[in-house]
Amino acid sequence: MSEGVVPGERVKGLQTIGSQLAVAVFDNWDSLQAVLMEMECFKATKSIALLHGRRDVPAQMSASRLLTETVELRFERSRLPIACTAGPVLEALSARVARGARTLADALDGWLGSNQAKQIESHLDRGHLILCIELRTSDDFSGVCGSLVKASPHIVELCEIDFKTS
């Protein structure tokens, strides 16, 4: 069952207003690919990031524009490295690793609430795929998040990130 966030709702711990990210969890590559194809039609997305810890990336996904540049993030207390696609999310997470984040949940805390950050880390540990979509404007919330809620059997969250200070 998907949990949603009401537009305009604030996430605990956020200090600054920045880019809005919709975060969704997927079980498999097929459901993710279907959403990515739909997102290509939206003019609402500014950037898209994918986080995962899987080695079974299908050929059609590795050829995808989204996955052409992927970097492995290594957290001191995480069992496996986490692959993250190039872009602002990777840059912000890398900065947090450099400043001492020991787990992905540590790096995400402040963007998402502590419990949500731990849930995202747990999903990655179970082999799920995490899609982060940076929205162009707050008006794009309903279209993008509506599609994500329909496609994701888990959670869809909304958070705000100031990439300049991450």
C-alpha atoms as a PDB file:
ATOM      1  CA  MET A   1       0.000   0.000   0.000  1.00  0.00           C
ATOM      2  CA  SER A   2       1.437   3.361  -0.941  1.00  0.00           C
ATOM      3  CA  GLU A   3       1.781   6.193   1.525  1.00  0.00           C
ATOM      4  CA  GLY A   4       1.570   9.694   0.088  1.00  0.00           C
ATOM      5  CA  VAL A   5       2.495  13.144   1.196  1.00  0.00           C
ATOM      6  CA  VAL A   6       0.015  15.989   0.968  1.00  0.00           C
ATOM      7  CA  PRO A   7       1.197  18.915  -1.212  1.00  0.00           C
ATOM      8  CA  GLY A   8       2.536  21.691   0.968  1.00  0.00           C
ATOM      9  CA  GLU A   9       3.275  19.328   3.878  1.00  0.00           C
ATOM     10  CA  ARG A  10       6.658  19.978   5.477  1.00  0.00           C
ATOM     11  CA  VAL A  11       9.086  17.195   6.268  1.00  0.00           C
ATOM     12  CA  LYS A  12      10.586  17.337   9.757  1.00  0.00           C
ATOM     13  CA  GLY A  13      14.121  18.677   9.989  1.00  0.00           C
ATOM     14  CA  LEU A  14      14.257  20.740   6.809  1.00  0.00           C
ATOM     15  CA  GLN A  15      15.983  24.067   7.290  1.00  0.00           C
ATOM     16  CA  THR A  16      15.920  25.525   3.792  1.00  0.00           C
ATOM     17  CA  ILE A  17      13.633  25.536   0.822  1.00  0.00           C
ATOM     18  CA  GLY A  18      15.232  24.063  -2.282  1.00  0.00           C
ATOM     19  CA  SER A  19      14.377  21.561  -4.970  1.00  0.00           C
ATOM     20  CA  GLN A  20      11.388  19.303  -4.470  1.00  0.00           C
ATOM     21  CA  LEU A  21      12.125  15.602  -4.886  1.00  0.00           C
ATOM     22  CA  ALA A  22       9.542  12.870  -5.240  1.00  0.00           C
ATOM     23  CA  VAL A  23      11.009   9.591  -3.956  1.00  0.00           C
ATOM     24  CA  ALA A  24       9.477   6.237  -4.922  1.00  0.00           C
ATOM     25  CA  VAL A  25      10.424   2.600  -4.314  1.00  0.00           C
ATOM     26  CA  PHE A  26      10.122  -0.170  -6.911  1.00  0.00           C
ATOM     27  CA  ASP A  27      10.491  -3.949  -6.620  1.00  0.00           C
ATOM     28  CA  ASN A  28      11.777  -4.666 -10.086  1.00  0.00           C
ATOM     29  CA  TRP A  29      13.273  -3.241 -13.241  1.00  0.00           C
ATOM     30  CA  ASP A  30      10.091  -3.721 -15.316  1.00  0.00           C
ATOM     31  CA  SER A  31       7.917  -1.529 -13.103  1.00  0.00           C
ATOM     32  CA  LEU A  32      10.690   1.067 -12.905  1.00  0.00           C
ATOM     33  CA  GLN A  33      11.151   1.096 -16.667  1.00  0.00           C
ATOM     34  CA  ALA A  34       7.416   1.633 -17.222  1.00  0.00           C
ATOM     35  CA  VAL A  35       7.492   4.693 -14.942  1.00  0.00           C
ATOM     36  CA  LEU A  36      10.641   6.054 -16.595  1.00  0.00           C
ATOM     37  CA  MET A  37       8.976   5.823 -19.998  1.00  0.00           C
ATOM     38  CA  GLU A  38       5.991   7.734 -18.618  1.00  0.00           C
ATOM     39  CA  MET A  39       8.250  10.357 -17.001  1.00  0.00           C
ATOM     40  CA  GLU A  40       9.916  11.060 -20.364  1.00  0.00           C
ATOM     41  CA  CYS A  41       6.546  12.442 -21.509  1.00  0.00           C
ATOM     42  CA  PHE A  42       6.308  14.801 -18.521  1.00  0.00           C
ATOM     43  CA  LYS A  43       7.893  18.210 -18.809  1.00  0.00           C
ATOM     44  CA  ALA A  44       7.667  18.297 -15.012  1.00  0.00           C
ATOM     45  CA  THR A  45      10.931  16.537 -14.261  1.00  0.00           C
ATOM     46  CA  LYS A  46      14.110  18.535 -13.860  1.00  0.00           C
ATOM     47  CA  SER A  47      16.417  15.611 -13.032  1.00  0.00           C
ATOM     48  CA  ILE A  48      16.034  11.937 -12.216  1.00  0.00           C
ATOM     49  CA  ALA A  49      18.266   9.836  -9.971  1.00  0.00           C
ATOM     50  CA  LEU A  50      18.226   6.111  -9.389  1.00  0.00           C
ATOM     51  CA  LEU A  51      19.732   4.409  -6.348  1.00  0.00           C
ATOM     52  CA  HIS A  52      20.143   0.657  -6.093  1.00  0.00           C
ATOM     53  CA  GLY A  53      22.415  -2.055  -4.783  1.00  0.00           C
ATOM     54  CA  ARG A  54      21.717  -4.663  -7.449  1.00  0.00           C
ATOM     55  CA  ARG A  55      24.017  -6.361  -9.914  1.00  0.00           C
ATOM     56  CA  ASP A  56      21.269  -7.580 -12.267  1.00  0.00           C
ATOM     57  CA  VAL A  57      20.870  -4.419 -14.351  1.00  0.00           C
ATOM     58  CA  PRO A  58      19.083  -5.511 -17.557  1.00  0.00           C
ATOM     59  CA  ALA A  59      20.724  -4.617 -20.892  1.00  0.00           C
ATOM     60  CA  GLN A  60      17.878  -2.289 -21.920  1.00  0.00           C
ATOM     61  CA  MET A  61      18.220  -0.401 -18.623  1.00  0.00           C
ATOM     62  CA  SER A  62      22.019  -0.091 -18.789  1.00  0.00           C
ATOM     63  CA  ALA A  63      21.636   1.399 -22.261  1.00  0.00           C
ATOM     64  CA  SER A  64      19.120   3.905 -20.905  1.00  0.00           C
ATOM     65  CA  ARG A  65      20.166   7.544 -20.797  1.00  0.00           C
ATOM     66  CA  LEU A  66      19.413   7.545 -17.068  1.00  0.00           C
ATOM     67  CA  LEU A  67      21.909   4.798 -16.264  1.00  0.00           C
ATOM     68  CA  THR A  68      24.774   5.745 -18.556  1.00  0.00           C
ATOM     69  CA  GLU A  69      26.729   7.361 -15.714  1.00  0.00           C
ATOM     70  CA  THR A  70      26.473   5.528 -12.428  1.00  0.00           C
ATOM     71  CA  VAL A  71      28.813   5.847  -9.460  1.00  0.00           C
ATOM     72  CA  GLU A  72      29.085   3.532  -6.482  1.00  0.00           C
ATOM     73  CA  LEU A  73      28.723   5.203  -3.099  1.00  0.00           C
ATOM     74  CA  ARG A  74      30.377   3.387  -0.209  1.00  0.00           C
ATOM     75  CA  PHE A  75      29.128   4.010   3.295  1.00  0.00           C
ATOM     76  CA  GLU A  76      31.234   2.856   6.232  1.00  0.00           C
ATOM     77  CA  ARG A  77      28.421   0.904   7.896  1.00  0.00           C
ATOM     78  CA  SER A  78      26.605  -0.380   4.806  1.00  0.00           C
ATOM     79  CA  ARG A  79      26.963  -3.972   3.656  1.00  0.00           C
ATOM     80  CA  LEU A  80      27.021  -3.211  -0.043  1.00  0.00           C
ATOM     81  CA  PRO A  81      27.914  -0.206  -2.190  1.00  0.00           C
ATOM     82  CA  ILE A  82      24.975   1.781  -3.519  1.00  0.00           C
ATOM     83  CA  ALA A  83      24.868   2.704  -7.184  1.00  0.00           C
ATOM     84  CA  CYS A  84      23.613   6.225  -7.863  1.00  0.00           C
ATOM     85  CA  THR A  85      23.172   7.882 -11.220  1.00  0.00           C
ATOM     86  CA  ALA A  86      25.020  11.111 -11.978  1.00  0.00           C
ATOM     87  CA  GLY A  87      23.380  14.401 -11.119  1.00  0.00           C
ATOM     88  CA  PRO A  88      22.527  16.634  -8.178  1.00  0.00           C
ATOM     89  CA  VAL A  89      21.435  13.777  -5.881  1.00  0.00           C
ATOM     90  CA  LEU A  90      24.751  11.965  -6.386  1.00  0.00           C
ATOM     91  CA  GLU A  91      26.702  15.174  -5.796  1.00  0.00           C
ATOM     92  CA  ALA A  92      24.777  15.915  -2.594  1.00  0.00           C
ATOM     93  CA  LEU A  93      25.107  12.348  -1.272  1.00  0.00           C
ATOM     94  CA  SER A  94      28.827  12.298  -2.118  1.00  0.00           C
ATOM     95  CA  ALA A  95      29.282  15.532  -0.161  1.00  0.00           C
ATOM     96  CA  ARG A  96      27.540  13.978   2.825  1.00  0.00           C
ATOM     97  CA  VAL A  97      29.761  10.874   2.616  1.00  0.00           C
ATOM     98  CA  ALA A  98      32.807  13.166   2.538  1.00  0.00           C
ATOM     99  CA  ARG A  99      31.492  14.911   5.672  1.00  0.00           C
ATOM    100  CA  GLY A 100      31.190  11.604   7.525  1.00  0.00           C
ATOM    101  CA  ALA A 101      27.758  10.082   6.799  1.00  0.00           C
ATOM    102  CA  ARG A 102      28.283   6.430   7.795  1.00  0.00           C
ATOM    103  CA  THR A 103      25.081   5.039   6.265  1.00  0.00           C
ATOM    104  CA  LEU A 104      22.677   6.060   3.544  1.00  0.00           C
ATOM    105  CA  ALA A 105      20.109   6.797   6.256  1.00  0.00           C
ATOM    106  CA  ASP A 106      22.596   9.251   7.831  1.00  0.00           C
ATOM    107  CA  ALA A 107      23.063  10.928   4.446  1.00  0.00           C
ATOM    108  CA  LEU A 108      19.306  11.164   3.816  1.00  0.00           C
ATOM    109  CA  ASP A 109      18.397  12.353   7.311  1.00  0.00           C
ATOM    110  CA  GLY A 110      17.456  16.013   7.085  1.00  0.00           C
ATOM    111  CA  TRP A 111      16.065  15.605   3.577  1.00  0.00           C
ATOM    112  CA  LEU A 112      13.643  12.967   4.742  1.00  0.00           C
ATOM    113  CA  GLY A 113      12.673  12.362   8.326  1.00  0.00           C
ATOM    114  CA  SER A 114      14.830   9.868  10.213  1.00  0.00           C
ATOM    115  CA  ASN A 115      12.256   7.056   9.939  1.00  0.00           C
ATOM    116  CA  GLN A 116      11.777   7.594   6.194  1.00  0.00           C
ATOM    117  CA  ALA A 117      15.558   7.649   5.655  1.00  0.00           C
ATOM    118  CA  LYS A 118      15.869   4.307   7.472  1.00  0.00           C
ATOM    119  CA  GLN A 119      12.994   2.894   5.388  1.00  0.00           C
ATOM    120  CA  ILE A 120      14.746   3.899   2.151  1.00  0.00           C
ATOM    121  CA  GLU A 121      17.969   2.252   3.337  1.00  0.00           C
ATOM    122  CA  SER A 122      16.034  -0.875   4.289  1.00  0.00           C
ATOM    123  CA  HIS A 123      14.421  -1.004   0.844  1.00  0.00           C
ATOM    124  CA  LEU A 124      17.858  -0.867  -0.796  1.00  0.00           C
ATOM    125  CA  ASP A 125      19.095  -3.645   1.511  1.00  0.00           C
ATOM    126  CA  ARG A 126      16.188  -5.777   0.264  1.00  0.00           C
ATOM    127  CA  GLY A 127      17.124  -5.164  -3.391  1.00  0.00           C
ATOM    128  CA  HIS A 128      14.519  -2.539  -4.202  1.00  0.00           C
ATOM    129  CA  LEU A 129      15.101   0.363  -6.584  1.00  0.00           C
ATOM    130  CA  ILE A 130      14.796   3.977  -5.389  1.00  0.00           C
ATOM    131  CA  LEU A 131      13.762   6.619  -7.902  1.00  0.00           C
ATOM    132  CA  CYS A 132      14.223  10.307  -7.045  1.00  0.00           C
ATOM    133  CA  ILE A 133      12.604  12.818  -9.363  1.00  0.00           C
ATOM    134  CA  GLU A 134      13.395  16.497  -9.026  1.00  0.00           C
ATOM    135  CA  LEU A 135      10.272  18.479  -9.889  1.00  0.00           C
ATOM    136  CA  ARG A 136      10.522  21.656 -11.953  1.00  0.00           C
ATOM    137  CA  THR A 137       7.823  23.451  -9.940  1.00  0.00           C
ATOM    138  CA  SER A 138       5.510  22.654  -7.030  1.00  0.00           C
ATOM    139  CA  ASP A 139       2.643  22.674  -9.558  1.00  0.00           C
ATOM    140  CA  ASP A 140       4.115  19.464 -11.026  1.00  0.00           C
ATOM    141  CA  PHE A 141       3.549  17.564  -7.776  1.00  0.00           C
ATOM    142  CA  SER A 142       0.158  16.043  -8.561  1.00  0.00           C
ATOM    143  CA  GLY A 143       0.996  14.697 -12.023  1.00  0.00           C
ATOM    144  CA  VAL A 144       4.349  13.150 -11.155  1.00  0.00           C
ATOM    145  CA  CYS A 145       3.401  11.870  -7.723  1.00  0.00           C
ATOM    146  CA  GLY A 146       0.084  10.531  -9.002  1.00  0.00           C
ATOM    147  CA  SER A 147       1.943   8.399 -11.544  1.00  0.00           C
ATOM    148  CA  LEU A 148       4.435   7.238  -8.931  1.00  0.00           C
ATOM    149  CA  VAL A 149       1.764   6.308  -6.397  1.00  0.00           C
ATOM    150  CA  LYS A 150      -0.015   4.186  -9.038  1.00  0.00           C
ATOM    151  CA  ALA A 151       3.193   2.398 -10.047  1.00  0.00           C
ATOM    152  CA  SER A 152       5.017   1.994  -6.723  1.00  0.00           C
ATOM    153  CA  PRO A 153       3.741  -0.686  -4.350  1.00  0.00           C
ATOM    154  CA  HIS A 154       5.677   0.865  -1.456  1.00  0.00           C
ATOM    155  CA  ILE A 155       6.165   4.509  -0.596  1.00  0.00           C
ATOM    156  CA  VAL A 156       6.159   7.806  -2.365  1.00  0.00           C
ATOM    157  CA  GLU A 157       7.605  10.669  -0.363  1.00  0.00           C
ATOM    158  CA  LEU A 158       8.164  14.322  -1.099  1.00  0.00           C
ATOM    159  CA  CYS A 159      11.145  16.151   0.317  1.00  0.00           C
ATOM    160  CA  GLU A 160      12.899  19.436  -0.260  1.00  0.00           C
ATOM    161  CA  ILE A 161      16.640  19.640  -0.779  1.00  0.00           C
ATOM    162  CA  ASP A 162      18.836  22.674  -1.092  1.00  0.00           C
ATOM    163  CA  PHE A 163      21.523  21.139  -3.313  1.00  0.00           C
ATOM    164  CA  LYS A 164      23.789  24.148  -2.760  1.00  0.00           C
ATOM    165  CA  THR A 165      24.087  23.439   0.961  1.00  0.00           C
ATOM    166  CA  SER A 166      23.774  19.650   0.959  1.00  0.00           C
END
